[in-house]
Amino acid sequence: GETAESIWTPIADVARLRRSALVDIGLALARPLPATGHVAPVP
């Protein structure tokens, strides 16, 4: 397949990685929701 390796990465280190937008979207969706239930769009 096209997955060469998988690793557990500290969330704090993710911003320094060359990554798919999917990572940022998934992490944004996983954050606890504010009282309004609205999550700001992910750039």
PDB file of all heavy atoms in Angstrom:
ATOM      1  N   GLY A   1       0.807  -1.205   0.000  1.00  0.00           N
ATOM      2  CA  GLY A   1       0.000   0.000   0.000  1.00  0.00           C
ATOM      3  C   GLY A   1       0.839   1.254   0.000  1.00  0.00           C
ATOM      4  O   GLY A   1       2.052   1.218  -0.194  1.00  0.00           O
ATOM      5  N   GLU A   2       0.193   2.368   0.232  1.00  0.00           N
ATOM      6  CA  GLU A   2       0.862   3.671   0.190  1.00  0.00           C
ATOM      7  C   GLU A   2       1.203   4.213   1.577  1.00  0.00           C
ATOM      8  O   GLU A   2       1.676   5.335   1.691  1.00  0.00           O
ATOM      9  CB  GLU A   2      -0.018   4.669  -0.561  1.00  0.00           C
ATOM     10  CG  GLU A   2      -0.198   4.315  -2.030  1.00  0.00           C
ATOM     11  CD  GLU A   2      -1.028   5.332  -2.798  1.00  0.00           C
ATOM     12  OE1 GLU A   2      -1.734   6.151  -2.179  1.00  0.00           O
ATOM     13  OE2 GLU A   2      -0.961   5.312  -4.034  1.00  0.00           O
ATOM     14  N   THR A   3       0.974   3.429   2.635  1.00  0.00           N
ATOM     15  CA  THR A   3       1.329   3.859   3.983  1.00  0.00           C
ATOM     16  C   THR A   3       2.648   3.215   4.365  1.00  0.00           C
ATOM     17  O   THR A   3       2.722   2.002   4.578  1.00  0.00           O
ATOM     18  CB  THR A   3       0.227   3.486   4.997  1.00  0.00           C
ATOM     19  OG1 THR A   3      -0.996   4.096   4.591  1.00  0.00           O
ATOM     20  CG2 THR A   3       0.581   3.978   6.388  1.00  0.00           C
ATOM     21  N   ALA A   4       3.692   4.039   4.446  1.00  0.00           N
ATOM     22  CA  ALA A   4       5.040   3.535   4.702  1.00  0.00           C
ATOM     23  C   ALA A   4       5.293   3.240   6.178  1.00  0.00           C
ATOM     24  O   ALA A   4       6.077   2.352   6.511  1.00  0.00           O
ATOM     25  CB  ALA A   4       6.078   4.527   4.192  1.00  0.00           C
ATOM     26  N   GLU A   5       4.639   3.992   7.056  1.00  0.00           N
ATOM     27  CA  GLU A   5       4.808   3.786   8.490  1.00  0.00           C
ATOM     28  C   GLU A   5       3.699   4.525   9.226  1.00  0.00           C
ATOM     29  O   GLU A   5       3.063   5.425   8.673  1.00  0.00           O
ATOM     30  CB  GLU A   5       6.166   4.283   8.982  1.00  0.00           C
ATOM     31  CG  GLU A   5       6.329   5.796   8.902  1.00  0.00           C
ATOM     32  CD  GLU A   5       7.667   6.291   9.423  1.00  0.00           C
ATOM     33  OE1 GLU A   5       8.105   5.834  10.495  1.00  0.00           O
ATOM     34  OE2 GLU A   5       8.264   7.139   8.743  1.00  0.00           O
ATOM     35  N   SER A   6       3.482   4.132  10.460  1.00  0.00           N
ATOM     36  CA  SER A   6       2.535   4.816  11.326  1.00  0.00           C
ATOM     37  C   SER A   6       3.214   5.054  12.659  1.00  0.00           C
ATOM     38  O   SER A   6       3.970   4.199  13.127  1.00  0.00           O
ATOM     39  CB  SER A   6       1.276   3.968  11.531  1.00  0.00           C
ATOM     40  OG  SER A   6       0.635   3.750  10.300  1.00  0.00           O
ATOM     41  N   ILE A   7       2.945   6.212  13.254  1.00  0.00           N
ATOM     42  CA  ILE A   7       3.568   6.547  14.536  1.00  0.00           C
ATOM     43  C   ILE A   7       2.593   7.328  15.411  1.00  0.00           C
ATOM     44  O   ILE A   7       1.697   8.007  14.913  1.00  0.00           O
ATOM     45  CB  ILE A   7       4.853   7.387  14.371  1.00  0.00           C
ATOM     46  CG1 ILE A   7       4.556   8.715  13.666  1.00  0.00           C
ATOM     47  CG2 ILE A   7       5.946   6.608  13.646  1.00  0.00           C
ATOM     48  CD1 ILE A   7       5.715   9.696  13.677  1.00  0.00           C
ATOM     49  N   TRP A   8       2.792   7.191  16.718  1.00  0.00           N
ATOM     50  CA  TRP A   8       2.079   8.024  17.681  1.00  0.00           C
ATOM     51  C   TRP A   8       2.886   9.310  17.819  1.00  0.00           C
ATOM     52  O   TRP A   8       4.060   9.270  18.166  1.00  0.00           O
ATOM     53  CB  TRP A   8       1.957   7.318  19.026  1.00  0.00           C
ATOM     54  CG  TRP A   8       0.975   6.193  19.004  1.00  0.00           C
ATOM     55  CD1 TRP A   8       1.243   4.875  18.827  1.00  0.00           C
ATOM     56  CD2 TRP A   8      -0.436   6.306  19.151  1.00  0.00           C
ATOM     57  NE1 TRP A   8       0.076   4.156  18.855  1.00  0.00           N
ATOM     58  CE2 TRP A   8      -0.976   5.001  19.062  1.00  0.00           C
ATOM     59  CE3 TRP A   8      -1.308   7.382  19.351  1.00  0.00           C
ATOM     60  CZ2 TRP A   8      -2.331   4.743  19.163  1.00  0.00           C
ATOM     61  CZ3 TRP A   8      -2.662   7.121  19.460  1.00  0.00           C
ATOM     62  CH2 TRP A   8      -3.172   5.820  19.364  1.00  0.00           C
ATOM     63  N   THR A   9       2.276  10.439  17.509  1.00  0.00           N
ATOM     64  CA  THR A   9       2.952  11.734  17.491  1.00  0.00           C
ATOM     65  C   THR A   9       2.352  12.656  18.548  1.00  0.00           C
ATOM     66  O   THR A   9       1.124  12.790  18.602  1.00  0.00           O
ATOM     67  CB  THR A   9       2.770  12.395  16.105  1.00  0.00           C
ATOM     68  OG1 THR A   9       3.253  11.496  15.114  1.00  0.00           O
ATOM     69  CG2 THR A   9       3.508  13.709  16.012  1.00  0.00           C
ATOM     70  N   PRO A  10       3.190  13.299  19.372  1.00  0.00           N
ATOM     71  CA  PRO A  10       2.629  14.276  20.308  1.00  0.00           C
ATOM     72  C   PRO A  10       1.838  15.342  19.537  1.00  0.00           C
ATOM     73  O   PRO A  10       2.318  15.851  18.512  1.00  0.00           O
ATOM     74  CB  PRO A  10       3.859  14.882  20.990  1.00  0.00           C
ATOM     75  CG  PRO A  10       4.921  13.823  20.846  1.00  0.00           C
ATOM     76  CD  PRO A  10       4.640  13.167  19.517  1.00  0.00           C
ATOM     77  N   ILE A  11       0.656  15.645  20.002  1.00  0.00           N
ATOM     78  CA  ILE A  11      -0.194  16.619  19.311  1.00  0.00           C
ATOM     79  C   ILE A  11       0.533  17.954  19.168  1.00  0.00           C
ATOM     80  O   ILE A  11       0.407  18.620  18.137  1.00  0.00           O
ATOM     81  CB  ILE A  11      -1.553  16.762  20.019  1.00  0.00           C
ATOM     82  CG1 ILE A  11      -2.338  15.440  19.870  1.00  0.00           C
ATOM     83  CG2 ILE A  11      -2.348  17.932  19.458  1.00  0.00           C
ATOM     84  CD1 ILE A  11      -3.616  15.366  20.672  1.00  0.00           C
ATOM     85  N   ALA A  12       1.338  18.310  20.147  1.00  0.00           N
ATOM     86  CA  ALA A  12       2.084  19.576  20.087  1.00  0.00           C
ATOM     87  C   ALA A  12       3.081  19.605  18.935  1.00  0.00           C
ATOM     88  O   ALA A  12       3.467  20.677  18.465  1.00  0.00           O
ATOM     89  CB  ALA A  12       2.807  19.815  21.409  1.00  0.00           C
ATOM     90  N   ASP A  13       3.514  18.449  18.428  1.00  0.00           N
ATOM     91  CA  ASP A  13       4.494  18.383  17.347  1.00  0.00           C
ATOM     92  C   ASP A  13       3.865  18.365  15.955  1.00  0.00           C
ATOM     93  O   ASP A  13       4.567  18.501  14.946  1.00  0.00           O
ATOM     94  CB  ASP A  13       5.376  17.135  17.490  1.00  0.00           C
ATOM     95  CG  ASP A  13       6.261  17.178  18.725  1.00  0.00           C
ATOM     96  OD1 ASP A  13       6.378  18.263  19.343  1.00  0.00           O
ATOM     97  OD2 ASP A  13       6.818  16.117  19.072  1.00  0.00           O
ATOM     98  N   VAL A  14       2.563  18.191  15.867  1.00  0.00           N
ATOM     99  CA  VAL A  14       1.882  18.049  14.582  1.00  0.00           C
ATOM    100  C   VAL A  14       2.077  19.273  13.692  1.00  0.00           C
ATOM    101  O   VAL A  14       2.282  19.148  12.486  1.00  0.00           O
ATOM    102  CB  VAL A  14       0.383  17.733  14.785  1.00  0.00           C
ATOM    103  CG1 VAL A  14      -0.401  17.853  13.486  1.00  0.00           C
ATOM    104  CG2 VAL A  14       0.220  16.340  15.381  1.00  0.00           C
ATOM    105  N   ALA A  15       2.052  20.465  14.271  1.00  0.00           N
ATOM    106  CA  ALA A  15       2.152  21.699  13.472  1.00  0.00           C
ATOM    107  C   ALA A  15       3.453  21.786  12.681  1.00  0.00           C
ATOM    108  O   ALA A  15       3.509  22.472  11.663  1.00  0.00           O
ATOM    109  CB  ALA A  15       2.013  22.921  14.384  1.00  0.00           C
ATOM    110  N   ARG A  16       4.496  21.082  13.107  1.00  0.00           N
ATOM    111  CA  ARG A  16       5.787  21.129  12.412  1.00  0.00           C
ATOM    112  C   ARG A  16       5.892  20.107  11.278  1.00  0.00           C
ATOM    113  O   ARG A  16       6.879  20.095  10.551  1.00  0.00           O
ATOM    114  CB  ARG A  16       6.918  20.901  13.413  1.00  0.00           C
ATOM    115  CG  ARG A  16       7.069  22.035  14.417  1.00  0.00           C
ATOM    116  CD  ARG A  16       8.339  21.891  15.227  1.00  0.00           C
ATOM    117  NE  ARG A  16       8.328  20.748  16.130  1.00  0.00           N
ATOM    118  CZ  ARG A  16       7.925  20.784  17.396  1.00  0.00           C
ATOM    119  NH1 ARG A  16       7.495  21.907  17.910  1.00  0.00           N
ATOM    120  NH2 ARG A  16       7.960  19.699  18.135  1.00  0.00           N
ATOM    121  N   LEU A  17       4.910  19.253  11.143  1.00  0.00           N
ATOM    122  CA  LEU A  17       4.972  18.182  10.142  1.00  0.00           C
ATOM    123  C   LEU A  17       4.397  18.619   8.803  1.00  0.00           C
ATOM    124  O   LEU A  17       3.469  19.424   8.740  1.00  0.00           O
ATOM    125  CB  LEU A  17       4.176  16.966  10.628  1.00  0.00           C
ATOM    126  CG  LEU A  17       4.635  16.298  11.913  1.00  0.00           C
ATOM    127  CD1 LEU A  17       3.656  15.197  12.284  1.00  0.00           C
ATOM    128  CD2 LEU A  17       6.046  15.751  11.763  1.00  0.00           C
ATOM    129  N   ARG A  18       4.921  18.030   7.737  1.00  0.00           N
ATOM    130  CA  ARG A  18       4.302  18.161   6.413  1.00  0.00           C
ATOM    131  C   ARG A  18       3.123  17.197   6.449  1.00  0.00           C
ATOM    132  O   ARG A  18       3.304  15.981   6.548  1.00  0.00           O
ATOM    133  CB  ARG A  18       5.291  17.769   5.324  1.00  0.00           C
ATOM    134  CG  ARG A  18       4.711  17.866   3.935  1.00  0.00           C
ATOM    135  CD  ARG A  18       5.769  17.515   2.890  1.00  0.00           C
ATOM    136  NE  ARG A  18       5.186  17.495   1.592  1.00  0.00           N
ATOM    137  CZ  ARG A  18       4.982  18.573   0.824  1.00  0.00           C
ATOM    138  NH1 ARG A  18       5.355  19.759   1.264  1.00  0.00           N
ATOM    139  NH2 ARG A  18       4.426  18.471  -0.363  1.00  0.00           N
ATOM    140  N   ARG A  19       1.911  17.734   6.410  1.00  0.00           N
ATOM    141  CA  ARG A  19       0.744  16.912   6.662  1.00  0.00           C
ATOM    142  C   ARG A  19      -0.419  17.272   5.754  1.00  0.00           C
ATOM    143  O   ARG A  19      -0.483  18.365   5.203  1.00  0.00           O
ATOM    144  CB  ARG A  19       0.311  17.056   8.114  1.00  0.00           C
ATOM    145  CG  ARG A  19      -0.168  18.468   8.450  1.00  0.00           C
ATOM    146  CD  ARG A  19      -0.199  18.741   9.945  1.00  0.00           C
ATOM    147  NE  ARG A  19      -0.703  20.066  10.236  1.00  0.00           N
ATOM    148  CZ  ARG A  19       0.002  21.185  10.137  1.00  0.00           C
ATOM    149  NH1 ARG A  19       1.252  21.139   9.722  1.00  0.00           N
ATOM    150  NH2 ARG A  19      -0.532  22.345  10.427  1.00  0.00           N
ATOM    151  N   SER A  20      -1.328  16.339   5.670  1.00  0.00           N
ATOM    152  CA  SER A  20      -2.579  16.550   4.952  1.00  0.00           C
ATOM    153  C   SER A  20      -3.477  17.454   5.791  1.00  0.00           C
ATOM    154  O   SER A  20      -3.414  17.438   7.027  1.00  0.00           O
ATOM    155  CB  SER A  20      -3.257  15.199   4.741  1.00  0.00           C
ATOM    156  OG  SER A  20      -4.594  15.355   4.359  1.00  0.00           O
ATOM    157  N   ALA A  21      -4.333  18.212   5.138  1.00  0.00           N
ATOM    158  CA  ALA A  21      -5.320  19.023   5.842  1.00  0.00           C
ATOM    159  C   ALA A  21      -6.230  18.151   6.699  1.00  0.00           C
ATOM    160  O   ALA A  21      -6.808  18.616   7.681  1.00  0.00           O
ATOM    161  CB  ALA A  21      -6.149  19.833   4.845  1.00  0.00           C
ATOM    162  N   LEU A  22      -6.338  16.871   6.361  1.00  0.00           N
ATOM    163  CA  LEU A  22      -7.183  15.956   7.128  1.00  0.00           C
ATOM    164  C   LEU A  22      -6.761  15.883   8.592  1.00  0.00           C
ATOM    165  O   LEU A  22      -7.605  15.717   9.474  1.00  0.00           O
ATOM    166  CB  LEU A  22      -7.118  14.548   6.526  1.00  0.00           C
ATOM    167  CG  LEU A  22      -7.638  14.396   5.106  1.00  0.00           C
ATOM    168  CD1 LEU A  22      -7.321  13.015   4.579  1.00  0.00           C
ATOM    169  CD2 LEU A  22      -9.111  14.689   5.056  1.00  0.00           C
ATOM    170  N   VAL A  23      -5.469  15.989   8.860  1.00  0.00           N
ATOM    171  CA  VAL A  23      -4.976  15.929  10.237  1.00  0.00           C
ATOM    172  C   VAL A  23      -5.545  17.097  11.036  1.00  0.00           C
ATOM    173  O   VAL A  23      -6.075  16.913  12.138  1.00  0.00           O
ATOM    174  CB  VAL A  23      -3.434  15.929  10.282  1.00  0.00           C
ATOM    175  CG1 VAL A  23      -2.927  15.981  11.718  1.00  0.00           C
ATOM    176  CG2 VAL A  23      -2.877  14.713   9.547  1.00  0.00           C
ATOM    177  N   ASP A  24      -5.457  18.303  10.485  1.00  0.00           N
ATOM    178  CA  ASP A  24      -5.959  19.482  11.185  1.00  0.00           C
ATOM    179  C   ASP A  24      -7.478  19.427  11.360  1.00  0.00           C
ATOM    180  O   ASP A  24      -8.005  19.810  12.406  1.00  0.00           O
ATOM    181  CB  ASP A  24      -5.557  20.755  10.441  1.00  0.00           C
ATOM    182  CG  ASP A  24      -4.052  20.940  10.427  1.00  0.00           C
ATOM    183  OD1 ASP A  24      -3.367  20.449  11.335  1.00  0.00           O
ATOM    184  OD2 ASP A  24      -3.556  21.577   9.492  1.00  0.00           O
ATOM    185  N   ILE A  25      -8.171  18.951  10.349  1.00  0.00           N
ATOM    186  CA  ILE A  25      -9.628  18.838  10.437  1.00  0.00           C
ATOM    187  C   ILE A  25     -10.009  17.844  11.529  1.00  0.00           C
ATOM    188  O   ILE A  25     -10.849  18.124  12.389  1.00  0.00           O
ATOM    189  CB  ILE A  25     -10.225  18.428   9.071  1.00  0.00           C
ATOM    190  CG1 ILE A  25     -10.005  19.543   8.048  1.00  0.00           C
ATOM    191  CG2 ILE A  25     -11.713  18.088   9.207  1.00  0.00           C
ATOM    192  CD1 ILE A  25     -10.205  19.103   6.607  1.00  0.00           C
ATOM    193  N   GLY A  26      -9.376  16.673  11.512  1.00  0.00           N
ATOM    194  CA  GLY A  26      -9.682  15.657  12.520  1.00  0.00           C
ATOM    195  C   GLY A  26      -9.383  16.121  13.932  1.00  0.00           C
ATOM    196  O   GLY A  26     -10.183  15.903  14.852  1.00  0.00           O
ATOM    197  N   LEU A  27      -8.244  16.785  14.133  1.00  0.00           N
ATOM    198  CA  LEU A  27      -7.909  17.280  15.473  1.00  0.00           C
ATOM    199  C   LEU A  27      -8.865  18.384  15.916  1.00  0.00           C
ATOM    200  O   LEU A  27      -9.240  18.456  17.079  1.00  0.00           O
ATOM    201  CB  LEU A  27      -6.455  17.763  15.518  1.00  0.00           C
ATOM    202  CG  LEU A  27      -5.408  16.648  15.462  1.00  0.00           C
ATOM    203  CD1 LEU A  27      -4.010  17.234  15.378  1.00  0.00           C
ATOM    204  CD2 LEU A  27      -5.537  15.714  16.665  1.00  0.00           C
ATOM    205  N   ALA A  28      -9.272  19.249  14.988  1.00  0.00           N
ATOM    206  CA  ALA A  28     -10.242  20.295  15.327  1.00  0.00           C
ATOM    207  C   ALA A  28     -11.578  19.679  15.732  1.00  0.00           C
ATOM    208  O   ALA A  28     -12.208  20.122  16.703  1.00  0.00           O
ATOM    209  CB  ALA A  28     -10.426  21.254  14.151  1.00  0.00           C
ATOM    210  N   LEU A  29     -12.011  18.655  15.023  1.00  0.00           N
ATOM    211  CA  LEU A  29     -13.278  18.009  15.349  1.00  0.00           C
ATOM    212  C   LEU A  29     -13.209  17.248  16.667  1.00  0.00           C
ATOM    213  O   LEU A  29     -14.226  17.075  17.340  1.00  0.00           O
ATOM    214  CB  LEU A  29     -13.692  17.057  14.220  1.00  0.00           C
ATOM    215  CG  LEU A  29     -14.137  17.717  12.925  1.00  0.00           C
ATOM    216  CD1 LEU A  29     -14.261  16.673  11.812  1.00  0.00           C
ATOM    217  CD2 LEU A  29     -15.443  18.462  13.115  1.00  0.00           C
ATOM    218  N   ALA A  30     -12.026  16.802  17.050  1.00  0.00           N
ATOM    219  CA  ALA A  30     -11.860  16.031  18.283  1.00  0.00           C
ATOM    220  C   ALA A  30     -11.801  16.910  19.533  1.00  0.00           C
ATOM    221  O   ALA A  30     -11.949  16.401  20.647  1.00  0.00           O
ATOM    222  CB  ALA A  30     -10.597  15.172  18.196  1.00  0.00           C
ATOM    223  N   ARG A  31     -11.587  18.212  19.355  1.00  0.00           N
ATOM    224  CA  ARG A  31     -11.543  19.111  20.513  1.00  0.00           C
ATOM    225  C   ARG A  31     -12.911  19.178  21.183  1.00  0.00           C
ATOM    226  O   ARG A  31     -13.931  19.089  20.497  1.00  0.00           O
ATOM    227  CB  ARG A  31     -11.145  20.524  20.091  1.00  0.00           C
ATOM    228  CG  ARG A  31      -9.656  20.675  19.936  1.00  0.00           C
ATOM    229  CD  ARG A  31      -9.339  22.101  19.626  1.00  0.00           C
ATOM    230  NE  ARG A  31      -9.487  22.167  18.173  1.00  0.00           N
ATOM    231  CZ  ARG A  31      -9.064  23.119  17.391  1.00  0.00           C
ATOM    232  NH1 ARG A  31      -8.532  24.174  17.875  1.00  0.00           N
ATOM    233  NH2 ARG A  31      -9.206  23.076  16.101  1.00  0.00           N
ATOM    234  N   PRO A  32     -12.923  19.390  22.491  1.00  0.00           N
ATOM    235  CA  PRO A  32     -14.218  19.573  23.152  1.00  0.00           C
ATOM    236  C   PRO A  32     -14.948  20.769  22.537  1.00  0.00           C
ATOM    237  O   PRO A  32     -14.341  21.796  22.224  1.00  0.00           O
ATOM    238  CB  PRO A  32     -13.850  19.866  24.605  1.00  0.00           C
ATOM    239  CG  PRO A  32     -12.467  19.313  24.767  1.00  0.00           C
ATOM    240  CD  PRO A  32     -11.808  19.445  23.423  1.00  0.00           C
ATOM    241  N   LEU A  33     -16.237  20.607  22.330  1.00  0.00           N
ATOM    242  CA  LEU A  33     -17.029  21.675  21.730  1.00  0.00           C
ATOM    243  C   LEU A  33     -17.296  22.782  22.733  1.00  0.00           C
ATOM    244  O   LEU A  33     -17.538  22.524  23.905  1.00  0.00           O
ATOM    245  CB  LEU A  33     -18.371  21.131  21.232  1.00  0.00           C
ATOM    246  CG  LEU A  33     -18.317  20.162  20.070  1.00  0.00           C
ATOM    247  CD1 LEU A  33     -19.722  19.650  19.763  1.00  0.00           C
ATOM    248  CD2 LEU A  33     -17.751  20.838  18.838  1.00  0.00           C
ATOM    249  N   PRO A  34     -17.298  24.025  22.260  1.00  0.00           N
ATOM    250  CA  PRO A  34     -17.700  25.119  23.135  1.00  0.00           C
ATOM    251  C   PRO A  34     -19.202  25.016  23.424  1.00  0.00           C
ATOM    252  O   PRO A  34     -19.915  24.220  22.791  1.00  0.00           O
ATOM    253  CB  PRO A  34     -17.382  26.372  22.310  1.00  0.00           C
ATOM    254  CG  PRO A  34     -17.308  25.901  20.901  1.00  0.00           C
ATOM    255  CD  PRO A  34     -16.909  24.450  20.944  1.00  0.00           C
ATOM    256  N   ALA A  35     -19.682  25.801  24.330  1.00  0.00           N
ATOM    257  CA  ALA A  35     -21.091  25.742  24.741  1.00  0.00           C
ATOM    258  C   ALA A  35     -22.049  25.892  23.565  1.00  0.00           C
ATOM    259  O   ALA A  35     -23.147  25.335  23.573  1.00  0.00           O
ATOM    260  CB  ALA A  35     -21.373  26.808  25.790  1.00  0.00           C
ATOM    261  N   THR A  36     -21.653  26.612  22.526  1.00  0.00           N
ATOM    262  CA  THR A  36     -22.536  26.811  21.374  1.00  0.00           C
ATOM    263  C   THR A  36     -22.584  25.593  20.464  1.00  0.00           C
ATOM    264  O   THR A  36     -23.462  25.488  19.614  1.00  0.00           O
ATOM    265  CB  THR A  36     -22.060  28.000  20.524  1.00  0.00           C
ATOM    266  OG1 THR A  36     -20.766  27.691  19.985  1.00  0.00           O
ATOM    267  CG2 THR A  36     -22.008  29.282  21.319  1.00  0.00           C
ATOM    268  N   GLY A  37     -21.610  24.678  20.602  1.00  0.00           N
ATOM    269  CA  GLY A  37     -21.540  23.526  19.712  1.00  0.00           C
ATOM    270  C   GLY A  37     -20.907  23.851  18.375  1.00  0.00           C
ATOM    271  O   GLY A  37     -20.802  23.013  17.503  1.00  0.00           O
ATOM    272  N   HIS A  38     -20.455  25.081  18.176  1.00  0.00           N
ATOM    273  CA  HIS A  38     -19.885  25.522  16.904  1.00  0.00           C
ATOM    274  C   HIS A  38     -18.372  25.408  16.928  1.00  0.00           C
ATOM    275  O   HIS A  38     -17.726  25.843  17.875  1.00  0.00           O
ATOM    276  CB  HIS A  38     -20.289  26.976  16.639  1.00  0.00           C
ATOM    277  CG  HIS A  38     -19.720  27.500  15.350  1.00  0.00           C
ATOM    278  ND1 HIS A  38     -18.569  28.235  15.313  1.00  0.00           N
ATOM    279  CD2 HIS A  38     -20.135  27.373  14.075  1.00  0.00           C
ATOM    280  CE1 HIS A  38     -18.293  28.553  14.059  1.00  0.00           C
ATOM    281  NE2 HIS A  38     -19.238  28.042  13.290  1.00  0.00           N
ATOM    282  N   VAL A  39     -17.822  24.802  15.901  1.00  0.00           N
ATOM    283  CA  VAL A  39     -16.371  24.720  15.746  1.00  0.00           C
ATOM    284  C   VAL A  39     -15.999  25.642  14.597  1.00  0.00           C
ATOM    285  O   VAL A  39     -16.576  25.566  13.511  1.00  0.00           O
ATOM    286  CB  VAL A  39     -15.920  23.278  15.436  1.00  0.00           C
ATOM    287  CG1 VAL A  39     -14.426  23.227  15.176  1.00  0.00           C
ATOM    288  CG2 VAL A  39     -16.291  22.349  16.578  1.00  0.00           C
ATOM    289  N   ALA A  40     -15.041  26.528  14.831  1.00  0.00           N
ATOM    290  CA  ALA A  40     -14.607  27.458  13.787  1.00  0.00           C
ATOM    291  C   ALA A  40     -14.039  26.687  12.599  1.00  0.00           C
ATOM    292  O   ALA A  40     -13.455  25.617  12.761  1.00  0.00           O
ATOM    293  CB  ALA A  40     -13.560  28.412  14.348  1.00  0.00           C
ATOM    294  N   PRO A  41     -14.209  27.206  11.371  1.00  0.00           N
ATOM    295  CA  PRO A  41     -13.655  26.537  10.184  1.00  0.00           C
ATOM    296  C   PRO A  41     -12.146  26.358  10.304  1.00  0.00           C
ATOM    297  O   PRO A  41     -11.453  27.178  10.896  1.00  0.00           O
ATOM    298  CB  PRO A  41     -13.997  27.487   9.043  1.00  0.00           C
ATOM    299  CG  PRO A  41     -15.119  28.327   9.551  1.00  0.00           C
ATOM    300  CD  PRO A  41     -14.919  28.429  11.047  1.00  0.00           C
ATOM    301  N   VAL A  42     -11.639  25.280   9.717  1.00  0.00           N
ATOM    302  CA  VAL A  42     -10.209  24.988   9.721  1.00  0.00           C
ATOM    303  C   VAL A  42      -9.608  25.529   8.436  1.00  0.00           C
ATOM    304  O   VAL A  42     -10.027  25.154   7.339  1.00  0.00           O
ATOM    305  CB  VAL A  42      -9.972  23.462   9.814  1.00  0.00           C
ATOM    306  CG1 VAL A  42      -8.502  23.162   9.712  1.00  0.00           C
ATOM    307  CG2 VAL A  42     -10.565  22.912  11.097  1.00  0.00           C
ATOM    308  N   PRO A  43      -8.644  26.454   8.525  1.00  0.00           N
ATOM    309  CA  PRO A  43      -8.020  26.957   7.299  1.00  0.00           C
ATOM    310  C   PRO A  43      -7.203  25.861   6.635  1.00  0.00           C
ATOM    311  O   PRO A  43      -6.577  25.065   7.309  1.00  0.00           O
ATOM    312  CB  PRO A  43      -7.130  28.092   7.802  1.00  0.00           C
ATOM    313  CG  PRO A  43      -6.861  27.774   9.225  1.00  0.00           C
ATOM    314  CD  PRO A  43      -8.056  27.014   9.729  1.00  0.00           C
TER     315      PRO A  43
END
